[in-house]
Amino acid sequence: MDWLARHLWEAWLGLAIVLGVAEMFSLDLIVGMLAIGALVGMVLAIADVHVAIQVLGAAGASIAMLALVRPSMIKKLHSGPELELGHGKLVGTQGIVIAEMSGLSTGRITIGGEDWSARPYDETMTIPAGETVEVLAIKGATAYVHPVARLDY
């Protein structure tokens, strides 16, 4: 028993290492917070504090990490840039009409250096060549567009 009292910090360190390895397999940031609590217990053991206070310190640090640190870490890990792939990234962009279009005939537009077949979103409209349009939807290989209002001085 005397040996354990002299080497208690090593037991806390061993527990922290085991919990840290377990965290690498679980990846849920719960066991890792417990490992940090074990490190606090190790520091208290090195400071030669009573065993009951070491346990309370480790438990308190673990609970504090779970309640205060883990939620913000989870929020950061689960947030990230929205990645739009394919033609969906073109919705909301503007292009130039290169061939007139109407509800009855398909025209052509240029979006980001690419030519697309296009139709007006409002089937009653006719959009002449040279007009700036905004892409509202893409269905198949056809962009559905609406003219961008311009201010004439």
C-alpha atoms as a PDB file:
ATOM      1  CA  MET A   1       0.000   0.000   0.000  1.00  0.00           C
ATOM      2  CA  ASP A   2       2.905   2.304   0.739  1.00  0.00           C
ATOM      3  CA  TRP A   3       4.255   1.695  -2.768  1.00  0.00           C
ATOM      4  CA  LEU A   4       0.921   2.718  -4.329  1.00  0.00           C
ATOM      5  CA  ALA A   5       0.867   5.922  -2.299  1.00  0.00           C
ATOM      6  CA  ARG A   6       4.347   6.834  -3.597  1.00  0.00           C
ATOM      7  CA  HIS A   7       3.486   5.983  -7.203  1.00  0.00           C
ATOM      8  CA  LEU A   8      -0.114   7.194  -7.400  1.00  0.00           C
ATOM      9  CA  TRP A   9       0.747   9.816  -9.994  1.00  0.00           C
ATOM     10  CA  GLU A  10       1.915   6.993 -12.269  1.00  0.00           C
ATOM     11  CA  ALA A  11      -1.433   5.250 -11.834  1.00  0.00           C
ATOM     12  CA  TRP A  12      -3.233   8.459 -12.823  1.00  0.00           C
ATOM     13  CA  LEU A  13      -0.933   8.820 -15.834  1.00  0.00           C
ATOM     14  CA  GLY A  14      -1.560   5.211 -16.856  1.00  0.00           C
ATOM     15  CA  LEU A  15      -5.317   5.776 -16.560  1.00  0.00           C
ATOM     16  CA  ALA A  16      -5.047   8.934 -18.680  1.00  0.00           C
ATOM     17  CA  ILE A  17      -3.095   7.043 -21.359  1.00  0.00           C
ATOM     18  CA  VAL A  18      -5.604   4.173 -21.438  1.00  0.00           C
ATOM     19  CA  LEU A  19      -8.503   6.634 -21.682  1.00  0.00           C
ATOM     20  CA  GLY A  20      -6.687   8.575 -24.397  1.00  0.00           C
ATOM     21  CA  VAL A  21      -6.212   5.420 -26.454  1.00  0.00           C
ATOM     22  CA  ALA A  22      -9.866   4.520 -25.916  1.00  0.00           C
ATOM     23  CA  GLU A  23     -10.809   7.997 -27.188  1.00  0.00           C
ATOM     24  CA  MET A  24      -8.918   7.344 -30.415  1.00  0.00           C
ATOM     25  CA  PHE A  25     -11.193   4.370 -31.036  1.00  0.00           C
ATOM     26  CA  SER A  26     -14.466   5.977 -29.938  1.00  0.00           C
ATOM     27  CA  LEU A  27     -13.985   9.512 -31.347  1.00  0.00           C
ATOM     28  CA  ASP A  28     -16.910  10.873 -29.361  1.00  0.00           C
ATOM     29  CA  LEU A  29     -14.889  13.264 -27.140  1.00  0.00           C
ATOM     30  CA  ILE A  30     -16.293  11.789 -23.933  1.00  0.00           C
ATOM     31  CA  VAL A  31     -13.499   9.429 -22.963  1.00  0.00           C
ATOM     32  CA  GLY A  32     -10.955  12.107 -23.909  1.00  0.00           C
ATOM     33  CA  MET A  33     -12.513  14.509 -21.415  1.00  0.00           C
ATOM     34  CA  LEU A  34     -12.209  11.799 -18.757  1.00  0.00           C
ATOM     35  CA  ALA A  35      -8.536  11.416 -19.701  1.00  0.00           C
ATOM     36  CA  ILE A  36      -8.008  15.115 -19.047  1.00  0.00           C
ATOM     37  CA  GLY A  37      -9.636  14.633 -15.644  1.00  0.00           C
ATOM     38  CA  ALA A  38      -7.153  11.817 -14.960  1.00  0.00           C
ATOM     39  CA  LEU A  39      -4.311  14.195 -15.835  1.00  0.00           C
ATOM     40  CA  VAL A  40      -5.664  16.641 -13.242  1.00  0.00           C
ATOM     41  CA  GLY A  41      -5.622  13.772 -10.732  1.00  0.00           C
ATOM     42  CA  MET A  42      -2.008  13.096 -11.712  1.00  0.00           C
ATOM     43  CA  VAL A  43      -1.005  16.722 -11.112  1.00  0.00           C
ATOM     44  CA  LEU A  44      -2.684  16.638  -7.698  1.00  0.00           C
ATOM     45  CA  ALA A  45      -0.871  13.377  -6.891  1.00  0.00           C
ATOM     46  CA  ILE A  46       2.465  14.965  -7.826  1.00  0.00           C
ATOM     47  CA  ALA A  47       1.573  17.860  -5.500  1.00  0.00           C
ATOM     48  CA  ASP A  48       1.135  15.206  -2.749  1.00  0.00           C
ATOM     49  CA  VAL A  49      -2.529  16.017  -2.096  1.00  0.00           C
ATOM     50  CA  HIS A  50      -4.746  13.521  -0.254  1.00  0.00           C
ATOM     51  CA  VAL A  51      -6.237  10.736  -2.421  1.00  0.00           C
ATOM     52  CA  ALA A  52      -9.836  11.873  -1.808  1.00  0.00           C
ATOM     53  CA  ILE A  53      -9.026  15.338  -3.132  1.00  0.00           C
ATOM     54  CA  GLN A  54      -7.268  13.806  -6.133  1.00  0.00           C
ATOM     55  CA  VAL A  55     -10.411  11.826  -6.972  1.00  0.00           C
ATOM     56  CA  LEU A  56     -12.646  14.870  -6.449  1.00  0.00           C
ATOM     57  CA  GLY A  57     -10.341  17.028  -8.580  1.00  0.00           C
ATOM     58  CA  ALA A  58     -10.274  14.456 -11.391  1.00  0.00           C
ATOM     59  CA  ALA A  59     -14.063  14.056 -11.265  1.00  0.00           C
ATOM     60  CA  GLY A  60     -14.619  17.813 -11.154  1.00  0.00           C
ATOM     61  CA  ALA A  61     -12.291  18.434 -14.081  1.00  0.00           C
ATOM     62  CA  SER A  62     -13.945  15.649 -16.094  1.00  0.00           C
ATOM     63  CA  ILE A  63     -17.430  17.009 -15.455  1.00  0.00           C
ATOM     64  CA  ALA A  64     -16.311  20.551 -16.245  1.00  0.00           C
ATOM     65  CA  MET A  65     -14.717  19.402 -19.521  1.00  0.00           C
ATOM     66  CA  LEU A  66     -17.835  17.456 -20.490  1.00  0.00           C
ATOM     67  CA  ALA A  67     -20.151  20.358 -19.668  1.00  0.00           C
ATOM     68  CA  LEU A  68     -18.120  23.336 -20.859  1.00  0.00           C
ATOM     69  CA  VAL A  69     -15.555  22.285 -23.458  1.00  0.00           C
ATOM     70  CA  ARG A  70     -17.091  19.304 -25.278  1.00  0.00           C
ATOM     71  CA  PRO A  71     -20.216  21.111 -26.622  1.00  0.00           C
ATOM     72  CA  SER A  72     -18.155  23.848 -28.280  1.00  0.00           C
ATOM     73  CA  MET A  73     -15.707  21.305 -29.694  1.00  0.00           C
ATOM     74  CA  ILE A  74     -18.552  19.223 -31.132  1.00  0.00           C
ATOM     75  CA  LYS A  75     -20.080  22.348 -32.660  1.00  0.00           C
ATOM     76  CA  LYS A  76     -16.775  23.263 -34.326  1.00  0.00           C
ATOM     77  CA  LEU A  77     -16.202  19.730 -35.584  1.00  0.00           C
ATOM     78  CA  HIS A  78     -19.665  19.422 -37.100  1.00  0.00           C
ATOM     79  CA  SER A  79     -19.683  22.811 -38.773  1.00  0.00           C
ATOM     80  CA  GLY A  80     -17.812  23.447 -41.949  1.00  0.00           C
ATOM     81  CA  PRO A  81     -18.167  24.885 -45.385  1.00  0.00           C
ATOM     82  CA  GLU A  82     -21.153  23.872 -47.433  1.00  0.00           C
ATOM     83  CA  LEU A  83     -19.820  22.061 -50.433  1.00  0.00           C
ATOM     84  CA  GLU A  84     -22.007  22.357 -53.482  1.00  0.00           C
ATOM     85  CA  LEU A  85     -21.131  19.974 -56.250  1.00  0.00           C
ATOM     86  CA  GLY A  86     -22.220  19.711 -59.858  1.00  0.00           C
ATOM     87  CA  HIS A  87     -24.551  22.116 -61.520  1.00  0.00           C
ATOM     88  CA  GLY A  88     -26.248  23.064 -58.227  1.00  0.00           C
ATOM     89  CA  LYS A  89     -23.425  25.519 -57.530  1.00  0.00           C
ATOM     90  CA  LEU A  90     -24.576  27.623 -60.493  1.00  0.00           C
ATOM     91  CA  VAL A  91     -27.970  28.447 -58.954  1.00  0.00           C
ATOM     92  CA  GLY A  92     -27.884  32.080 -57.886  1.00  0.00           C
ATOM     93  CA  THR A  93     -25.115  33.087 -60.283  1.00  0.00           C
ATOM     94  CA  GLN A  94     -25.492  35.552 -63.131  1.00  0.00           C
ATOM     95  CA  GLY A  95     -24.905  35.003 -66.803  1.00  0.00           C
ATOM     96  CA  ILE A  96     -25.286  36.729 -70.183  1.00  0.00           C
ATOM     97  CA  VAL A  97     -27.860  35.703 -72.778  1.00  0.00           C
ATOM     98  CA  ILE A  98     -26.152  34.866 -76.095  1.00  0.00           C
ATOM     99  CA  ALA A  99     -29.238  33.585 -77.939  1.00  0.00           C
ATOM    100  CA  GLU A 100     -32.741  34.971 -77.388  1.00  0.00           C
ATOM    101  CA  MET A 101     -35.149  32.794 -75.457  1.00  0.00           C
ATOM    102  CA  SER A 102     -38.839  32.682 -74.735  1.00  0.00           C
ATOM    103  CA  GLY A 103     -41.329  30.325 -73.169  1.00  0.00           C
ATOM    104  CA  LEU A 104     -41.592  28.512 -76.495  1.00  0.00           C
ATOM    105  CA  SER A 105     -37.944  28.471 -77.577  1.00  0.00           C
ATOM    106  CA  THR A 106     -34.783  27.558 -75.745  1.00  0.00           C
ATOM    107  CA  GLY A 107     -31.937  30.063 -75.824  1.00  0.00           C
ATOM    108  CA  ARG A 108     -28.297  30.035 -74.735  1.00  0.00           C
ATOM    109  CA  ILE A 109     -26.494  31.758 -71.871  1.00  0.00           C
ATOM    110  CA  THR A 110     -22.900  31.998 -70.738  1.00  0.00           C
ATOM    111  CA  ILE A 111     -22.215  31.265 -67.063  1.00  0.00           C
ATOM    112  CA  GLY A 112     -18.626  31.381 -65.857  1.00  0.00           C
ATOM    113  CA  GLY A 113     -17.244  30.791 -69.339  1.00  0.00           C
ATOM    114  CA  GLU A 114     -19.568  27.854 -70.095  1.00  0.00           C
ATOM    115  CA  ASP A 115     -22.485  27.853 -72.533  1.00  0.00           C
ATOM    116  CA  TRP A 116     -25.780  26.511 -71.229  1.00  0.00           C
ATOM    117  CA  SER A 117     -29.173  26.006 -72.818  1.00  0.00           C
ATOM    118  CA  ALA A 118     -31.628  28.226 -70.994  1.00  0.00           C
ATOM    119  CA  ARG A 119     -35.302  29.050 -70.734  1.00  0.00           C
ATOM    120  CA  PRO A 120     -37.043  31.872 -68.906  1.00  0.00           C
ATOM    121  CA  TYR A 121     -38.359  30.899 -65.472  1.00  0.00           C
ATOM    122  CA  ASP A 122     -41.528  32.835 -66.322  1.00  0.00           C
ATOM    123  CA  GLU A 123     -42.835  31.174 -69.497  1.00  0.00           C
ATOM    124  CA  THR A 124     -44.546  34.366 -70.666  1.00  0.00           C
ATOM    125  CA  MET A 125     -41.275  36.294 -70.964  1.00  0.00           C
ATOM    126  CA  THR A 126     -38.954  36.814 -73.885  1.00  0.00           C
ATOM    127  CA  ILE A 127     -35.359  37.606 -72.960  1.00  0.00           C
ATOM    128  CA  PRO A 128     -33.218  39.170 -75.721  1.00  0.00           C
ATOM    129  CA  ALA A 129     -29.516  38.498 -76.340  1.00  0.00           C
ATOM    130  CA  GLY A 130     -27.127  40.625 -74.297  1.00  0.00           C
ATOM    131  CA  GLU A 131     -29.407  40.688 -71.241  1.00  0.00           C
ATOM    132  CA  THR A 132     -27.961  39.798 -67.822  1.00  0.00           C
ATOM    133  CA  VAL A 133     -29.881  36.998 -66.133  1.00  0.00           C
ATOM    134  CA  GLU A 134     -29.796  35.157 -62.822  1.00  0.00           C
ATOM    135  CA  VAL A 135     -30.018  31.376 -62.688  1.00  0.00           C
ATOM    136  CA  LEU A 136     -32.981  30.357 -60.529  1.00  0.00           C
ATOM    137  CA  ALA A 137     -32.984  26.617 -61.199  1.00  0.00           C
ATOM    138  CA  ILE A 138     -31.291  23.964 -63.289  1.00  0.00           C
ATOM    139  CA  LYS A 139     -33.254  20.986 -64.562  1.00  0.00           C
ATOM    140  CA  GLY A 140     -31.236  18.505 -66.569  1.00  0.00           C
ATOM    141  CA  ALA A 141     -29.002  20.537 -68.856  1.00  0.00           C
ATOM    142  CA  THR A 142     -31.294  23.575 -69.001  1.00  0.00           C
ATOM    143  CA  ALA A 143     -30.932  26.627 -66.801  1.00  0.00           C
ATOM    144  CA  TYR A 144     -34.114  28.472 -65.865  1.00  0.00           C
ATOM    145  CA  VAL A 145     -33.324  32.150 -65.610  1.00  0.00           C
ATOM    146  CA  HIS A 146     -34.865  35.526 -64.862  1.00  0.00           C
ATOM    147  CA  PRO A 147     -33.560  38.883 -66.072  1.00  0.00           C
ATOM    148  CA  VAL A 148     -31.660  41.011 -63.570  1.00  0.00           C
ATOM    149  CA  ALA A 149     -33.227  44.424 -63.116  1.00  0.00           C
ATOM    150  CA  ARG A 150     -30.966  47.218 -64.262  1.00  0.00           C
ATOM    151  CA  LEU A 151     -31.119  50.896 -63.471  1.00  0.00           C
ATOM    152  CA  ASP A 152     -31.223  53.161 -66.522  1.00  0.00           C
ATOM    153  CA  TYR A 153     -30.093  56.717 -65.905  1.00  0.00           C
END
